[in-house]
């Protein structure tokens, strides 16, 4: 009977130990993602090393609010580039969202922008509509990337590099 209690106690101990390791692993991975803290300016630098942004117009907080209906209550830091002409669909947006719980609503705002642009370009500029259809929308930690560009792949790689 003494041996039975010893084995049962060891099983409970090992089960508890495994549980502690499992929780530590989950928390470790989760905190690794949210520990990313990179400024929009640093991400912009990384992008400028990969692609030329001189044909685009840099946007401010007013433009971000107008195009995406996003403001300082959702976004901590951002980078916005739009086409210099309204006949082009090119757009680059990097958002550092204040809280990861806001990611879905931010993505919904971007989806509304995509829909509005699709209506605008579908019949008027089919070549620009194709770019819009091939957009990149990516979330990494509390950062959101949205790109409509022929250089979308290079911009996405620069975004990933900046957040490593």
Protein backbone atom coordinates (compact mmCIF):
# COMPACT_ATOMS: atom_id res chain seq x y z
CA UNK A 1 0.00 0.00 0.00
CA UNK A 2 2.89 2.33 0.69
CA UNK A 3 4.26 1.70 -2.81
CA UNK A 4 0.86 2.47 -4.34
CA UNK A 5 0.71 5.90 -2.64
CA UNK A 6 4.27 6.63 -3.74
CA UNK A 7 3.46 5.81 -7.40
CA UNK A 8 0.19 7.79 -7.29
CA UNK A 9 1.98 10.79 -5.80
CA UNK A 10 4.67 10.59 -8.51
CA UNK A 11 2.00 10.44 -11.24
CA UNK A 12 0.32 13.55 -9.84
CA UNK A 13 3.67 15.29 -9.58
CA UNK A 14 4.57 14.47 -13.20
CA UNK A 15 1.12 15.48 -14.44
CA UNK A 16 1.48 18.81 -12.63
CA UNK A 17 5.00 19.23 -14.01
CA UNK A 18 3.79 18.59 -17.58
CA UNK A 19 0.94 21.07 -17.08
CA UNK A 20 3.38 23.75 -15.86
CA UNK A 21 5.65 23.17 -18.89
CA UNK A 22 2.69 23.32 -21.28
CA UNK A 23 1.44 26.60 -19.80
CA UNK A 24 4.97 28.04 -19.87
CA UNK A 25 5.36 27.09 -23.53
CA UNK A 26 2.05 28.69 -24.50
CA UNK A 27 2.75 31.87 -22.55
CA UNK A 28 6.30 32.01 -23.89
CA UNK A 29 5.13 31.83 -27.49
CA UNK A 30 2.36 34.36 -26.92
CA UNK A 31 4.62 36.92 -25.29
CA UNK A 32 7.23 36.44 -28.01
CA UNK A 33 4.73 37.69 -30.59
CA UNK A 34 3.51 40.71 -28.63
CA UNK A 35 7.01 41.77 -27.53
CA UNK A 36 7.55 43.23 -30.99
CA UNK A 37 7.90 46.99 -30.69
CA UNK A 38 9.02 48.65 -33.91
CA UNK A 39 8.17 52.17 -35.01
CA UNK A 40 6.43 52.88 -38.30
CA UNK A 41 9.50 54.94 -39.26
CA UNK A 42 11.74 51.88 -38.92
CA UNK A 43 9.37 49.80 -41.05
CA UNK A 44 9.34 52.63 -43.60
CA UNK A 45 13.16 52.64 -43.72
CA UNK A 46 13.16 48.91 -44.37
CA UNK A 47 10.61 49.33 -47.18
CA UNK A 48 12.57 52.17 -48.78
CA UNK A 49 15.58 49.85 -49.00
CA UNK A 50 13.49 47.40 -51.03
CA UNK A 51 11.25 49.58 -53.22
CA UNK A 52 10.96 53.17 -54.41
CA UNK A 53 8.16 55.05 -52.71
CA UNK A 54 8.77 58.39 -54.44
CA UNK A 55 5.77 58.01 -56.78
CA UNK A 56 3.47 57.72 -53.79
CA UNK A 57 2.15 60.43 -51.49
CA UNK A 58 2.71 60.11 -47.75
CA UNK A 59 -0.49 60.40 -45.74
CA UNK A 60 -1.18 61.87 -42.31
CA UNK A 61 -3.64 61.09 -39.50
CA UNK A 62 -6.39 63.07 -41.28
CA UNK A 63 -5.97 60.98 -44.44
CA UNK A 64 -5.96 57.74 -42.41
CA UNK A 65 -9.23 58.78 -40.76
CA UNK A 66 -10.75 59.77 -44.12
CA UNK A 67 -9.79 56.58 -45.98
CA UNK A 68 -10.05 53.98 -43.21
CA UNK A 69 -12.04 55.65 -40.43
CA UNK A 70 -9.20 54.84 -38.02
CA UNK A 71 -7.86 57.20 -35.40
CA UNK A 72 -5.66 57.41 -32.32
CA UNK A 73 -8.14 55.38 -30.26
CA UNK A 74 -7.29 52.29 -32.37
CA UNK A 75 -3.89 53.04 -33.89
CA UNK A 76 -0.74 53.82 -31.91
CA UNK A 77 1.54 54.43 -34.91
CA UNK A 78 1.10 54.17 -38.66
CA UNK A 79 2.56 54.57 -42.10
CA UNK A 80 0.33 55.53 -45.03
CA UNK A 81 1.23 55.96 -48.67
CA UNK A 82 -1.36 56.50 -51.38
CA UNK A 83 -1.16 56.99 -55.12
CA UNK A 84 -0.39 60.57 -56.11
CA UNK A 85 -3.24 60.37 -58.63
CA UNK A 86 -6.77 59.07 -58.12
CA UNK A 87 -6.47 56.94 -61.27
CA UNK A 88 -4.00 54.63 -59.52
CA UNK A 89 -4.84 52.08 -56.82
CA UNK A 90 -1.40 51.90 -55.18
CA UNK A 91 -1.60 52.05 -51.41
CA UNK A 92 0.62 51.01 -48.51
CA UNK A 93 -0.63 51.02 -44.94
CA UNK A 94 1.20 49.79 -41.86
CA UNK A 95 -0.73 50.06 -38.62
CA UNK A 96 0.54 49.49 -35.12
CA UNK A 97 -2.73 48.70 -33.40
CA UNK A 98 -3.05 49.80 -29.76
CA UNK A 99 -4.47 46.48 -28.63
CA UNK A 100 -4.61 43.11 -30.37
CA UNK A 101 -8.33 42.90 -29.54
CA UNK A 102 -8.87 45.70 -32.10
CA UNK A 103 -7.28 43.77 -35.00
CA UNK A 104 -10.60 42.44 -36.33
CA UNK A 105 -12.24 45.87 -36.42
CA UNK A 106 -9.15 47.33 -38.11
CA UNK A 107 -9.27 44.56 -40.72
CA UNK A 108 -12.96 45.31 -41.25
CA UNK A 109 -12.09 48.97 -41.93
CA UNK A 110 -9.51 47.86 -44.47
CA UNK A 111 -12.06 45.52 -46.08
CA UNK A 112 -14.43 48.48 -46.51
CA UNK A 113 -11.64 50.42 -48.22
CA UNK A 114 -10.94 47.47 -50.53
CA UNK A 115 -14.63 47.26 -51.44
CA UNK A 116 -14.84 51.00 -52.14
CA UNK A 117 -11.74 50.88 -54.32
CA UNK A 118 -13.00 47.78 -56.15
CA UNK A 119 -16.21 49.58 -57.13
CA UNK A 120 -14.17 52.55 -58.31
CA UNK A 121 -11.62 50.63 -60.40
CA UNK A 122 -13.44 47.52 -61.66
CA UNK A 123 -14.82 49.07 -64.86
CA UNK A 124 -12.88 52.34 -64.96
CA UNK A 125 -9.31 50.98 -64.66
CA UNK A 126 -9.27 47.15 -64.95
CA UNK A 127 -5.45 47.07 -64.74
CA UNK A 128 -5.58 48.82 -61.36
CA UNK A 129 -8.43 46.56 -60.28
CA UNK A 130 -6.15 43.54 -60.86
CA UNK A 131 -3.60 45.06 -58.44
CA UNK A 132 -6.37 45.61 -55.93
CA UNK A 133 -7.49 42.00 -56.24
CA UNK A 134 -3.90 40.84 -55.55
CA UNK A 135 -3.57 42.98 -52.41
CA UNK A 136 -1.64 41.86 -49.34
CA UNK A 137 -3.39 42.00 -45.97
CA UNK A 138 -1.25 40.60 -43.20
CA UNK A 139 -1.28 40.65 -39.41
CA UNK A 140 1.84 40.09 -37.33
CA UNK A 141 1.48 40.57 -33.59
CA UNK A 142 -0.28 43.95 -33.23
CA UNK A 143 0.84 45.20 -36.65
CA UNK A 144 -1.33 45.18 -39.77
CA UNK A 145 0.02 45.51 -43.30
CA UNK A 146 -2.16 46.36 -46.30
CA UNK A 147 -0.55 46.75 -49.71
CA UNK A 148 -1.89 47.37 -53.20
CA UNK A 149 1.13 47.56 -55.46
CA UNK A 150 3.03 45.81 -58.21
CA UNK A 151 5.80 45.61 -55.57
CA UNK A 152 3.55 44.05 -52.91
CA UNK A 153 5.78 40.99 -52.45
CA UNK A 154 8.93 43.06 -51.81
CA UNK A 155 7.01 45.36 -49.46
CA UNK A 156 5.69 42.36 -47.53
CA UNK A 157 9.23 40.97 -47.19
CA UNK A 158 10.48 44.34 -45.92
CA UNK A 159 7.63 44.43 -43.39
CA UNK A 160 8.54 40.94 -42.18
CA UNK A 161 12.24 41.85 -41.94
CA UNK A 162 11.51 44.99 -39.94
CA UNK A 163 9.47 43.02 -37.40
CA UNK A 164 12.05 40.27 -36.85
